[in-house]
C-alpha atoms as a PDB file:
ATOM      1  CA  MET A   1      41.592 -44.003  23.582  1.00  0.00           C
ATOM      2  CA  ALA A   2      39.777 -43.621  26.863  1.00  0.00           C
ATOM      3  CA  VAL A   3      42.999 -42.926  28.697  1.00  0.00           C
ATOM      4  CA  ILE A   4      43.834 -39.998  26.220  1.00  0.00           C
ATOM      5  CA  ALA A   5      40.421 -38.466  26.839  1.00  0.00           C
ATOM      6  CA  GLN A   6      41.109 -38.371  30.622  1.00  0.00           C
ATOM      7  CA  ILE A   7      44.516 -36.312  30.188  1.00  0.00           C
ATOM      8  CA  GLY A   8      43.955 -33.096  31.935  1.00  0.00           C
ATOM      9  CA  MET A   9      45.662 -29.786  32.439  1.00  0.00           C
ATOM     10  CA  LEU A  10      48.912 -29.533  34.166  1.00  0.00           C
ATOM     11  CA  ARG A  11      48.585 -29.799  37.939  1.00  0.00           C
ATOM     12  CA  ASP A  12      44.801 -30.684  37.567  1.00  0.00           C
ATOM     13  CA  PRO A  13      44.189 -33.084  40.511  1.00  0.00           C
ATOM     14  CA  ARG A  14      42.059 -36.175  39.888  1.00  0.00           C
ATOM     15  CA  VAL A  15      40.330 -38.611  42.189  1.00  0.00           C
ATOM     16  CA  PHE A  16      40.591 -42.208  40.995  1.00  0.00           C
ATOM     17  CA  THR A  17      38.777 -45.548  41.738  1.00  0.00           C
ATOM     18  CA  LEU A  18      40.906 -48.547  41.770  1.00  0.00           C
ATOM     19  CA  ALA A  19      39.469 -49.595  38.414  1.00  0.00           C
ATOM     20  CA  GLU A  20      40.432 -46.247  36.856  1.00  0.00           C
ATOM     21  CA  ALA A  21      43.957 -46.348  38.475  1.00  0.00           C
ATOM     22  CA  ARG A  22      44.430 -49.803  36.985  1.00  0.00           C
ATOM     23  CA  GLU A  23      43.274 -48.853  33.675  1.00  0.00           C
ATOM     24  CA  ILE A  24      45.716 -45.938  33.387  1.00  0.00           C
ATOM     25  CA  PHE A  25      48.612 -47.796  35.264  1.00  0.00           C
ATOM     26  CA  PRO A  26      50.141 -49.468  32.118  1.00  0.00           C
ATOM     27  CA  LEU A  27      50.565 -45.960  30.529  1.00  0.00           C
ATOM     28  CA  VAL A  28      52.103 -44.620  33.788  1.00  0.00           C
ATOM     29  CA  ARG A  29      54.522 -47.506  33.915  1.00  0.00           C
ATOM     30  CA  ARG A  30      55.420 -47.249  30.304  1.00  0.00           C
ATOM     31  CA  ILE A  31      56.219 -43.414  30.592  1.00  0.00           C
ATOM     32  CA  THR A  32      58.127 -43.999  33.642  1.00  0.00           C
ATOM     33  CA  ALA A  33      60.208 -46.838  32.143  1.00  0.00           C
ATOM     34  CA  ALA A  34      61.027 -44.857  29.205  1.00  0.00           C
ATOM     35  CA  SER A  35      62.086 -41.725  31.189  1.00  0.00           C
ATOM     36  CA  HIS A  36      64.092 -44.084  33.570  1.00  0.00           C
ATOM     37  CA  ARG A  37      65.957 -45.553  30.456  1.00  0.00           C
ATOM     38  CA  GLU A  38      66.507 -42.056  29.148  1.00  0.00           C
ATOM     39  CA  LEU A  39      68.286 -41.052  32.328  1.00  0.00           C
ATOM     40  CA  GLU A  40      70.605 -44.000  32.678  1.00  0.00           C
ATOM     41  CA  PRO A  41      73.372 -42.677  30.333  1.00  0.00           C
ATOM     42  CA  LEU A  42      73.089 -39.296  32.177  1.00  0.00           C
ATOM     43  CA  ARG A  43      73.523 -40.975  35.436  1.00  0.00           C
ATOM     44  CA  ARG A  44      76.725 -42.684  34.390  1.00  0.00           C
ATOM     45  CA  LEU A  45      78.048 -39.522  32.766  1.00  0.00           C
ATOM     46  CA  LEU A  46      77.365 -37.486  35.910  1.00  0.00           C
ATOM     47  CA  ALA A  47      79.140 -40.002  37.969  1.00  0.00           C
ATOM     48  CA  THR A  48      82.343 -39.545  35.938  1.00  0.00           C
ATOM     49  CA  LEU A  49      82.336 -35.865  35.192  1.00  0.00           C
ATOM     50  CA  PRO A  50      84.570 -33.509  37.375  1.00  0.00           C
ATOM     51  CA  PRO A  51      82.833 -30.835  39.321  1.00  0.00           C
ATOM     52  CA  HIS A  52      82.381 -27.302  37.944  1.00  0.00           C
ATOM     53  CA  THR A  53      82.802 -28.201  34.470  1.00  0.00           C
ATOM     54  CA  ALA A  54      80.675 -27.093  31.474  1.00  0.00           C
ATOM     55  CA  GLY A  55      80.056 -30.808  30.700  1.00  0.00           C
ATOM     56  CA  LEU A  56      78.664 -31.421  34.246  1.00  0.00           C
ATOM     57  CA  TYR A  57      76.263 -28.426  33.905  1.00  0.00           C
ATOM     58  CA  ASP A  58      75.054 -29.547  30.582  1.00  0.00           C
ATOM     59  CA  ALA A  59      74.407 -33.109  31.780  1.00  0.00           C
ATOM     60  CA  GLU A  60      72.605 -31.837  34.900  1.00  0.00           C
ATOM     61  CA  GLU A  61      70.383 -29.692  32.640  1.00  0.00           C
ATOM     62  CA  GLN A  62      69.591 -32.634  30.453  1.00  0.00           C
ATOM     63  CA  TYR A  63      68.877 -34.754  33.543  1.00  0.00           C
ATOM     64  CA  GLU A  64      66.374 -32.055  34.948  1.00  0.00           C
ATOM     65  CA  ARG A  65      64.751 -31.708  31.616  1.00  0.00           C
ATOM     66  CA  VAL A  66      64.017 -35.421  31.478  1.00  0.00           C
ATOM     67  CA  VAL A  67      62.663 -35.476  35.139  1.00  0.00           C
ATOM     68  CA  LYS A  68      60.567 -32.413  34.606  1.00  0.00           C
ATOM     69  CA  ALA A  69      59.124 -33.877  31.365  1.00  0.00           C
ATOM     70  CA  TRP A  70      58.284 -37.022  33.303  1.00  0.00           C
ATOM     71  CA  VAL A  71      56.657 -35.084  36.201  1.00  0.00           C
ATOM     72  CA  GLY A  72      54.600 -32.968  33.675  1.00  0.00           C
ATOM     73  CA  LYS A  73      53.234 -36.010  32.081  1.00  0.00           C
ATOM     74  CA  MET A  74      52.239 -37.552  35.493  1.00  0.00           C
ATOM     75  CA  GLU A  75      50.469 -34.451  36.577  1.00  0.00           C
ATOM     76  CA  ARG A  76      48.668 -34.074  33.322  1.00  0.00           C
ATOM     77  CA  LEU A  77      47.298 -37.609  34.059  1.00  0.00           C
ATOM     78  CA  GLY A  78      46.098 -36.352  37.480  1.00  0.00           C
ATOM     79  CA  ILE A  79      48.609 -38.378  39.361  1.00  0.00           C
ATOM     80  CA  VAL A  80      50.486 -36.871  42.456  1.00  0.00           C
ATOM     81  CA  VAL A  81      54.201 -37.159  41.959  1.00  0.00           C
ATOM     82  CA  LYS A  82      55.853 -37.717  45.456  1.00  0.00           C
ATOM     83  CA  GLY A  83      59.411 -38.222  44.288  1.00  0.00           C
ATOM     84  CA  LEU A  84      61.661 -39.519  41.534  1.00  0.00           C
ATOM     85  CA  TRP A  85      59.641 -42.544  39.971  1.00  0.00           C
ATOM     86  CA  LEU A  86      57.284 -42.478  42.991  1.00  0.00           C
ATOM     87  CA  VAL A  87      53.602 -41.623  42.321  1.00  0.00           C
ATOM     88  CA  ASP A  88      50.130 -41.605  44.147  1.00  0.00           C
ATOM     89  CA  PHE A  89      46.732 -41.904  42.734  1.00  0.00           C
ATOM     90  CA  ASP A  90      44.346 -40.021  44.910  1.00  0.00           C
ATOM     91  CA  THR A  91      41.246 -42.131  46.108  1.00  0.00           C
ATOM     92  CA  GLY A  92      39.552 -39.345  47.903  1.00  0.00           C
ATOM     93  CA  ASP A  93      40.502 -40.773  51.289  1.00  0.00           C
ATOM     94  CA  GLY A  94      44.070 -41.625  50.737  1.00  0.00           C
ATOM     95  CA  TYR A  95      46.552 -42.724  47.877  1.00  0.00           C
ATOM     96  CA  LEU A  96      47.098 -45.837  45.713  1.00  0.00           C
ATOM     97  CA  CYS A  97      51.007 -45.754  45.757  1.00  0.00           C
ATOM     98  CA  TRP A  98      53.329 -46.960  43.193  1.00  0.00           C
ATOM     99  CA  ARG A  99      57.098 -46.831  42.870  1.00  0.00           C
ATOM    100  CA  PHE A 100      59.064 -47.740  39.703  1.00  0.00           C
ATOM    101  CA  PRO A 101      60.090 -50.683  38.950  1.00  0.00           C
ATOM    102  CA  GLU A 102      57.074 -52.328  40.845  1.00  0.00           C
ATOM    103  CA  LEU A 103      55.126 -54.362  38.238  1.00  0.00           C
ATOM    104  CA  ARG A 104      51.770 -53.549  39.666  1.00  0.00           C
ATOM    105  CA  LEU A 105      49.710 -51.062  41.625  1.00  0.00           C
ATOM    106  CA  GLY A 106      49.695 -52.833  44.976  1.00  0.00           C
ATOM    107  CA  HIS A 107      49.855 -50.401  47.968  1.00  0.00           C
ATOM    108  CA  TYR A 108      47.952 -47.733  49.681  1.00  0.00           C
ATOM    109  CA  HIS A 109      48.622 -45.082  52.386  1.00  0.00           C
ATOM    110  CA  GLY A 110      46.388 -42.501  53.932  1.00  0.00           C
ATOM    111  CA  TYR A 111      46.764 -38.728  53.383  1.00  0.00           C
ATOM    112  CA  ASP A 112      48.659 -38.117  56.546  1.00  0.00           C
ATOM    113  CA  GLU A 113      51.062 -41.101  55.781  1.00  0.00           C
ATOM    114  CA  ASP A 114      53.775 -41.478  53.483  1.00  0.00           C
ATOM    115  CA  TYR A 115      55.771 -44.100  51.384  1.00  0.00           C
ATOM    116  CA  ALA A 116      57.202 -45.757  54.415  1.00  0.00           C
ATOM    117  CA  SER A 117      53.795 -46.192  55.965  1.00  0.00           C
ATOM    118  CA  ARG A 118      52.116 -47.806  52.798  1.00  0.00           C
ATOM    119  CA  ARG A 119      50.268 -51.100  53.159  1.00  0.00           C
ATOM    120  CA  PRO A 120      49.476 -53.883  50.646  1.00  0.00           C
ATOM    121  CA  LEU A 121      46.343 -52.823  48.811  1.00  0.00           C
ATOM    122  CA  ARG A 122      44.750 -56.239  49.290  1.00  0.00           C
ATOM    123  CA  GLU A 123      44.794 -55.675  53.032  1.00  0.00           C
ATOM    124  CA  VAL A 124      43.463 -52.319  53.106  1.00  0.00           C
ATOM    125  CA  ILE A 125      40.532 -53.382  50.873  1.00  0.00           C
ATOM    126  CA  GLU A 126      39.721 -56.530  53.138  1.00  0.00           C
ATOM    127  CA  GLU A 127      39.788 -54.462  56.265  1.00  0.00           C
ATOM    128  CA  GLN A 128      38.026 -51.237  55.179  1.00  0.00           C
ATOM    129  CA  ASP A 129      35.909 -52.142  51.953  1.00  0.00           C
ATOM    130  CA  PRO A 130      36.430 -48.629  50.610  1.00  0.00           C
ATOM    131  CA  ASP A 131      34.037 -47.000  48.004  1.00  0.00           C
ATOM    132  CA  TRP A 132      36.998 -46.503  45.476  1.00  0.00           C
ATOM    133  CA  ALA A 133      37.749 -50.314  45.472  1.00  0.00           C
ATOM    134  CA  CYS A 134      34.392 -51.151  43.852  1.00  0.00           C
END
Protein backbone atom coordinates (compact mmCIF):
# COMPACT_ATOMS: atom_id res chain seq x y z
CA MET A 1 0.00 0.00 0.00
CA ALA A 2 2.89 2.41 0.71
CA VAL A 3 4.17 1.94 -2.84
CA ILE A 4 0.81 2.89 -4.35
CA ALA A 5 0.76 6.11 -2.31
CA GLN A 6 4.07 7.05 -3.92
CA ILE A 7 2.89 6.83 -7.53
CA GLY A 8 3.10 10.29 -9.06
CA MET A 9 2.13 12.08 -12.20
CA LEU A 10 3.73 11.12 -15.49
CA ARG A 11 7.29 12.47 -15.71
CA ASP A 12 7.25 13.60 -12.08
CA PRO A 13 10.90 13.19 -10.98
CA ARG A 14 11.66 11.73 -7.60
CA VAL A 15 14.74 11.42 -5.41
CA PHE A 16 15.15 8.04 -3.70
CA THR A 17 17.07 6.81 -0.70
CA LEU A 18 18.48 3.33 -1.09
CA ALA A 19 15.79 2.00 1.27
CA GLU A 20 13.00 3.61 -0.80
CA ALA A 21 14.44 2.27 -4.04
CA ARG A 22 14.73 -1.22 -2.56
CA GLU A 23 11.15 -1.02 -1.32
CA ILE A 24 9.76 -0.22 -4.76
CA PHE A 25 12.21 -2.44 -6.68
CA PRO A 26 10.11 -5.66 -6.54
CA LEU A 27 7.25 -3.79 -8.21
CA VAL A 28 9.58 -2.36 -10.87
CA ARG A 29 10.97 -5.82 -11.57
CA ARG A 30 7.48 -7.41 -11.79
CA ILE A 31 6.20 -4.71 -14.17
CA THR A 32 9.31 -5.01 -16.32
CA ALA A 33 9.21 -8.82 -16.42
CA ALA A 34 5.54 -8.74 -17.46
CA SER A 35 6.22 -6.22 -20.23
CA HIS A 36 9.23 -8.23 -21.39
CA ARG A 37 7.08 -11.40 -21.59
CA GLU A 38 4.41 -9.48 -23.49
CA LEU A 39 6.97 -8.44 -26.12
CA GLU A 40 8.44 -11.91 -26.72
CA PRO A 41 5.80 -13.10 -29.22
CA LEU A 42 5.95 -9.73 -30.98
CA ARG A 43 9.75 -9.98 -31.30
CA ARG A 44 9.46 -13.42 -32.85
CA LEU A 45 6.73 -12.19 -35.20
CA LEU A 46 8.72 -9.12 -36.24
CA ALA A 47 11.69 -11.32 -37.12
CA THR A 48 9.59 -13.32 -39.58
CA LEU A 49 7.45 -10.69 -41.31
CA PRO A 50 8.52 -9.34 -44.68
CA PRO A 51 9.25 -5.62 -44.91
CA HIS A 52 6.57 -3.10 -45.85
CA THR A 53 3.58 -5.30 -45.04
CA ALA A 54 0.47 -4.41 -43.07
CA GLY A 55 1.24 -7.20 -40.61
CA LEU A 56 4.67 -5.74 -39.95
CA TYR A 57 3.25 -2.27 -39.29
CA ASP A 58 0.60 -3.70 -36.95
CA ALA A 59 3.19 -5.69 -35.01
CA GLU A 60 5.44 -2.62 -34.74
CA GLU A 61 2.53 -0.57 -33.40
CA GLN A 62 1.74 -3.25 -30.81
CA TYR A 63 5.42 -3.41 -29.81
CA GLU A 64 5.53 0.36 -29.43
CA ARG A 65 2.35 0.35 -27.29
CA VAL A 66 3.85 -2.19 -24.88
CA VAL A 67 7.11 -0.25 -24.58
CA LYS A 68 5.32 3.09 -24.10
CA ALA A 69 3.08 1.58 -21.43
CA TRP A 70 6.16 0.25 -19.60
CA VAL A 71 7.90 3.65 -19.84
CA GLY A 72 4.78 5.39 -18.53
CA LYS A 73 4.57 3.07 -15.54
CA MET A 74 8.24 3.61 -14.68
CA GLU A 75 7.92 7.38 -14.99
CA ARG A 76 4.81 7.42 -12.78
CA LEU A 77 6.88 5.66 -10.13
CA GLY A 78 9.41 8.50 -10.41
CA ILE A 79 12.05 6.34 -12.08
CA VAL A 80 14.23 7.59 -14.93
CA VAL A 81 14.08 5.38 -18.03
CA LYS A 82 17.43 5.24 -19.81
CA GLY A 83 16.67 2.54 -22.38
CA LEU A 84 14.60 -0.54 -22.97
CA TRP A 85 14.51 -2.40 -19.64
CA LEU A 86 17.14 -0.01 -18.23
CA VAL A 87 16.15 2.34 -15.41
CA ASP A 88 17.78 4.66 -12.90
CA PHE A 89 16.63 5.72 -9.43
CA ASP A 90 17.79 9.30 -8.79
CA THR A 91 19.56 9.64 -5.42
CA GLY A 92 20.21 13.37 -5.54
CA ASP A 93 23.87 12.92 -6.49
CA GLY A 94 23.69 10.12 -9.05
CA TYR A 95 21.69 7.05 -9.96
CA LEU A 96 21.02 3.60 -8.62
CA CYS A 97 21.08 1.68 -11.90
CA TRP A 98 19.18 -1.49 -12.85
CA ARG A 99 18.74 -3.44 -16.05
CA PHE A 100 16.37 -6.34 -16.56
CA PRO A 101 16.87 -9.28 -15.93
CA GLU A 102 19.21 -8.47 -13.02
CA LEU A 103 17.81 -9.90 -9.79
CA ARG A 104 18.66 -6.98 -7.54
CA LEU A 105 19.40 -3.28 -7.49
CA GLY A 106 23.17 -3.45 -7.28
CA HIS A 107 24.85 -0.67 -9.29
CA TYR A 108 25.41 3.07 -9.18
CA HIS A 109 26.72 5.77 -11.53
CA GLY A 110 27.05 9.53 -11.31
CA TYR A 111 24.96 12.04 -13.23
CA ASP A 112 27.70 12.58 -15.79
CA GLU A 113 28.22 8.84 -16.31
CA ASP A 114 26.19 6.15 -18.01
CA TYR A 115 25.47 2.43 -17.88
CA ALA A 116 28.98 1.52 -19.04
CA SER A 117 30.44 3.48 -16.11
CA ARG A 118 28.29 1.98 -13.40
CA ARG A 119 29.95 0.50 -10.34
CA PRO A 120 28.84 -2.07 -7.79
CA LEU A 121 26.67 -0.35 -5.21
CA ARG A 122 28.55 -1.99 -2.34
CA GLU A 123 31.82 -0.33 -3.46
CA VAL A 124 30.24 3.12 -3.77
CA ILE A 125 28.71 2.91 -0.31
CA GLU A 126 31.99 1.74 1.24
CA GLU A 127 34.03 4.49 -0.46
CA GLN A 128 31.66 7.44 -0.26
CA ASP A 129 29.21 6.69 2.59
CA PRO A 130 26.50 8.74 0.81
CA ASP A 131 23.50 10.19 2.68
CA TRP A 132 21.03 8.30 0.48
CA ALA A 133 22.48 4.93 1.64
CA CYS A 134 21.31 5.40 5.25
